[in-house]
Amino acid sequence: MRARCSYDYAVIRFVPRVERGEFVNVGVIVRCGERDLLEARIELDERRLAALAPGADVTLVRRHLESIAAVCRGGEAAGPIGRLTPRERFDWLVAPRSTIIQTSAVHSGHCDDPAQVADRLLAAMVRSGP
């Protein structure tokens, strides 16, 4: 059995009108230094997005969300940011922004399997139903 590890996470939000502060949770980013894990789980509910922002460019939103996943994976496909360490990429991803894609404050916890934490957080923070 693997030892417990600590992790950090943030919720990814779609914020169609920054000045209103309304948002839809669309994913999570989880980082675990002990397991060298940085990953994003994204699930865009287009009905919820349309209810909050009729006429939103879903293709553009998906493209922005895919860039978050690419930065988590790292490597050349993510551009210069992809060459940073997982910790540096996480910090870059969760830095405050005034754009249509933002993250929540960073939260921490302890777990046995951070990949399972990502699934649990996605279910609890992003999905609207059981």
C-alpha atoms as a PDB file:
ATOM      1  CA  MET A   1       0.000   0.000   0.000  1.00  0.00           C
ATOM      2  CA  ARG A   2       1.341   3.398  -0.940  1.00  0.00           C
ATOM      3  CA  ALA A   3       1.822   6.075   1.681  1.00  0.00           C
ATOM      4  CA  ARG A   4      -0.620   8.938   1.838  1.00  0.00           C
ATOM      5  CA  CYS A   5       0.409  12.051  -0.019  1.00  0.00           C
ATOM      6  CA  SER A   6      -0.614  15.683  -0.010  1.00  0.00           C
ATOM      7  CA  TYR A   7      -2.195  17.347  -3.006  1.00  0.00           C
ATOM      8  CA  ASP A   8      -3.357  20.777  -4.129  1.00  0.00           C
ATOM      9  CA  TYR A   9      -6.308  21.442  -6.383  1.00  0.00           C
ATOM     10  CA  ALA A  10      -8.262  24.253  -7.980  1.00  0.00           C
ATOM     11  CA  VAL A  11     -11.605  24.275  -9.731  1.00  0.00           C
ATOM     12  CA  ILE A  12     -11.640  25.548 -13.333  1.00  0.00           C
ATOM     13  CA  ARG A  13     -14.472  27.980 -14.046  1.00  0.00           C
ATOM     14  CA  PHE A  14     -16.083  29.471 -17.134  1.00  0.00           C
ATOM     15  CA  VAL A  15     -16.830  33.129 -16.366  1.00  0.00           C
ATOM     16  CA  PRO A  16     -18.743  34.628 -19.314  1.00  0.00           C
ATOM     17  CA  ARG A  17     -19.012  38.151 -17.897  1.00  0.00           C
ATOM     18  CA  VAL A  18     -16.186  38.829 -15.496  1.00  0.00           C
ATOM     19  CA  GLU A  19     -17.870  41.953 -14.128  1.00  0.00           C
ATOM     20  CA  ARG A  20     -20.863  39.894 -12.901  1.00  0.00           C
ATOM     21  CA  GLY A  21     -18.817  37.225 -11.151  1.00  0.00           C
ATOM     22  CA  GLU A  22     -21.110  34.414 -12.324  1.00  0.00           C
ATOM     23  CA  PHE A  23     -19.529  31.149 -13.373  1.00  0.00           C
ATOM     24  CA  VAL A  24     -19.961  27.488 -14.241  1.00  0.00           C
ATOM     25  CA  ASN A  25     -17.465  24.953 -12.898  1.00  0.00           C
ATOM     26  CA  VAL A  26     -15.987  23.083 -15.853  1.00  0.00           C
ATOM     27  CA  GLY A  27     -13.045  21.117 -14.452  1.00  0.00           C
ATOM     28  CA  VAL A  28     -10.389  20.603 -11.817  1.00  0.00           C
ATOM     29  CA  ILE A  29      -6.606  20.722 -11.723  1.00  0.00           C
ATOM     30  CA  VAL A  30      -4.832  18.419  -9.254  1.00  0.00           C
ATOM     31  CA  ARG A  31      -1.136  18.502  -8.354  1.00  0.00           C
ATOM     32  CA  CYS A  32       0.697  16.029  -6.125  1.00  0.00           C
ATOM     33  CA  GLY A  33       4.413  16.678  -5.741  1.00  0.00           C
ATOM     34  CA  GLU A  34       5.176  13.340  -4.086  1.00  0.00           C
ATOM     35  CA  ARG A  35       3.699  11.451  -7.062  1.00  0.00           C
ATOM     36  CA  ASP A  36       4.911  13.945  -9.691  1.00  0.00           C
ATOM     37  CA  LEU A  37       1.287  14.333 -10.816  1.00  0.00           C
ATOM     38  CA  LEU A  38      -0.266  17.322 -12.523  1.00  0.00           C
ATOM     39  CA  GLU A  39      -3.493  16.733 -14.367  1.00  0.00           C
ATOM     40  CA  ALA A  40      -6.687  18.416 -15.389  1.00  0.00           C
ATOM     41  CA  ARG A  41     -10.074  16.765 -15.582  1.00  0.00           C
ATOM     42  CA  ILE A  42     -12.483  18.775 -17.699  1.00  0.00           C
ATOM     43  CA  GLU A  43     -16.167  18.237 -18.336  1.00  0.00           C
ATOM     44  CA  LEU A  44     -18.075  20.989 -20.102  1.00  0.00           C
ATOM     45  CA  ASP A  45     -21.853  20.857 -19.663  1.00  0.00           C
ATOM     46  CA  GLU A  46     -23.013  22.821 -22.696  1.00  0.00           C
ATOM     47  CA  ARG A  47     -26.584  23.180 -21.366  1.00  0.00           C
ATOM     48  CA  ARG A  48     -25.369  24.856 -18.183  1.00  0.00           C
ATOM     49  CA  LEU A  49     -23.020  27.033 -20.202  1.00  0.00           C
ATOM     50  CA  ALA A  50     -25.862  28.083 -22.513  1.00  0.00           C
ATOM     51  CA  ALA A  51     -28.148  28.838 -19.561  1.00  0.00           C
ATOM     52  CA  LEU A  52     -25.586  31.226 -18.106  1.00  0.00           C
ATOM     53  CA  ALA A  53     -24.248  32.631 -21.372  1.00  0.00           C
ATOM     54  CA  PRO A  54     -26.557  32.181 -24.368  1.00  0.00           C
ATOM     55  CA  GLY A  55     -24.536  32.579 -27.525  1.00  0.00           C
ATOM     56  CA  ALA A  56     -21.202  31.706 -25.906  1.00  0.00           C
ATOM     57  CA  ASP A  57     -18.606  30.402 -28.337  1.00  0.00           C
ATOM     58  CA  VAL A  58     -18.379  26.792 -27.132  1.00  0.00           C
ATOM     59  CA  THR A  59     -15.570  26.016 -29.581  1.00  0.00           C
ATOM     60  CA  LEU A  60     -13.467  28.832 -28.125  1.00  0.00           C
ATOM     61  CA  VAL A  61     -14.204  27.698 -24.562  1.00  0.00           C
ATOM     62  CA  ARG A  62     -13.203  24.122 -25.419  1.00  0.00           C
ATOM     63  CA  ARG A  63      -9.982  25.373 -27.026  1.00  0.00           C
ATOM     64  CA  HIS A  64      -9.074  27.294 -23.849  1.00  0.00           C
ATOM     65  CA  LEU A  65      -9.864  24.258 -21.701  1.00  0.00           C
ATOM     66  CA  GLU A  66      -7.747  21.993 -23.897  1.00  0.00           C
ATOM     67  CA  SER A  67      -4.826  24.383 -23.453  1.00  0.00           C
ATOM     68  CA  ILE A  68      -5.089  23.840 -19.687  1.00  0.00           C
ATOM     69  CA  ALA A  69      -4.935  20.070 -20.195  1.00  0.00           C
ATOM     70  CA  ALA A  70      -1.931  20.508 -22.512  1.00  0.00           C
ATOM     71  CA  VAL A  71      -0.077  22.592 -19.931  1.00  0.00           C
ATOM     72  CA  CYS A  72      -0.749  19.894 -17.336  1.00  0.00           C
ATOM     73  CA  ARG A  73       0.701  17.246 -19.653  1.00  0.00           C
ATOM     74  CA  GLY A  74       3.733  19.461 -20.303  1.00  0.00           C
ATOM     75  CA  GLY A  75       6.208  19.054 -23.114  1.00  0.00           C
ATOM     76  CA  GLU A  76       6.756  20.952 -26.336  1.00  0.00           C
ATOM     77  CA  ALA A  77       3.077  20.810 -27.356  1.00  0.00           C
ATOM     78  CA  ALA A  78       2.328  23.177 -24.450  1.00  0.00           C
ATOM     79  CA  GLY A  79       4.834  25.774 -25.640  1.00  0.00           C
ATOM     80  CA  PRO A  80       7.336  27.467 -23.323  1.00  0.00           C
ATOM     81  CA  ILE A  81       5.121  26.847 -20.271  1.00  0.00           C
ATOM     82  CA  GLY A  82       5.287  23.110 -20.997  1.00  0.00           C
ATOM     83  CA  ARG A  83       9.005  23.098 -20.230  1.00  0.00           C
ATOM     84  CA  LEU A  84       8.474  24.277 -16.655  1.00  0.00           C
ATOM     85  CA  THR A  85       8.337  21.875 -13.697  1.00  0.00           C
ATOM     86  CA  PRO A  86       4.907  20.509 -12.718  1.00  0.00           C
ATOM     87  CA  ARG A  87       4.880  22.828  -9.681  1.00  0.00           C
ATOM     88  CA  GLU A  88       5.672  25.863 -11.831  1.00  0.00           C
ATOM     89  CA  ARG A  89       3.012  24.876 -14.378  1.00  0.00           C
ATOM     90  CA  PHE A  90       0.436  24.468 -11.599  1.00  0.00           C
ATOM     91  CA  ASP A  91       1.312  27.883 -10.175  1.00  0.00           C
ATOM     92  CA  TRP A  92       1.006  29.415 -13.648  1.00  0.00           C
ATOM     93  CA  LEU A  93      -2.378  27.758 -14.232  1.00  0.00           C
ATOM     94  CA  VAL A  94      -3.893  28.928 -10.938  1.00  0.00           C
ATOM     95  CA  ALA A  95      -2.569  32.496 -11.078  1.00  0.00           C
ATOM     96  CA  PRO A  96      -5.438  35.024 -10.866  1.00  0.00           C
ATOM     97  CA  ARG A  97      -6.806  36.082 -14.239  1.00  0.00           C
ATOM     98  CA  SER A  98      -9.515  38.384 -15.469  1.00  0.00           C
ATOM     99  CA  THR A  99     -10.620  36.228 -18.403  1.00  0.00           C
ATOM    100  CA  ILE A 100     -13.465  33.878 -19.283  1.00  0.00           C
ATOM    101  CA  ILE A 101     -11.519  30.900 -17.890  1.00  0.00           C
ATOM    102  CA  GLN A 102     -10.444  31.257 -14.256  1.00  0.00           C
ATOM    103  CA  THR A 103      -9.586  29.002 -11.336  1.00  0.00           C
ATOM    104  CA  SER A 104     -10.765  28.971  -7.762  1.00  0.00           C
ATOM    105  CA  ALA A 105      -8.481  29.493  -4.823  1.00  0.00           C
ATOM    106  CA  VAL A 106      -6.084  26.586  -4.278  1.00  0.00           C
ATOM    107  CA  HIS A 107      -7.149  23.998  -1.724  1.00  0.00           C
ATOM    108  CA  SER A 108      -5.111  21.157  -0.199  1.00  0.00           C
ATOM    109  CA  GLY A 109      -5.708  17.688   1.147  1.00  0.00           C
ATOM    110  CA  HIS A 110      -4.214  14.245   1.810  1.00  0.00           C
ATOM    111  CA  CYS A 111      -5.015  11.036  -0.042  1.00  0.00           C
ATOM    112  CA  ASP A 112      -3.800   7.595  -1.079  1.00  0.00           C
ATOM    113  CA  ASP A 113      -4.359   8.124  -4.809  1.00  0.00           C
ATOM    114  CA  PRO A 114      -4.422  11.645  -6.301  1.00  0.00           C
ATOM    115  CA  ALA A 115      -5.831  10.350  -9.605  1.00  0.00           C
ATOM    116  CA  GLN A 116      -8.898   9.140  -7.699  1.00  0.00           C
ATOM    117  CA  VAL A 117      -9.080  12.534  -5.999  1.00  0.00           C
ATOM    118  CA  ALA A 118      -9.317  14.160  -9.422  1.00  0.00           C
ATOM    119  CA  ASP A 119     -12.283  11.937 -10.302  1.00  0.00           C
ATOM    120  CA  ARG A 120     -13.965  12.606  -6.948  1.00  0.00           C
ATOM    121  CA  LEU A 121     -13.476  16.371  -7.248  1.00  0.00           C
ATOM    122  CA  LEU A 122     -14.823  16.367 -10.793  1.00  0.00           C
ATOM    123  CA  ALA A 123     -17.947  14.568  -9.599  1.00  0.00           C
ATOM    124  CA  ALA A 124     -18.436  16.820  -6.569  1.00  0.00           C
ATOM    125  CA  MET A 125     -17.481  20.203  -7.999  1.00  0.00           C
ATOM    126  CA  VAL A 126     -18.389  20.047 -11.688  1.00  0.00           C
ATOM    127  CA  ARG A 127     -21.167  17.548 -12.357  1.00  0.00           C
ATOM    128  CA  SER A 128     -24.638  18.818 -11.592  1.00  0.00           C
ATOM    129  CA  GLY A 129     -26.317  15.567 -10.654  1.00  0.00           C
ATOM    130  CA  PRO A 130     -25.765  12.157  -9.116  1.00  0.00           C
END
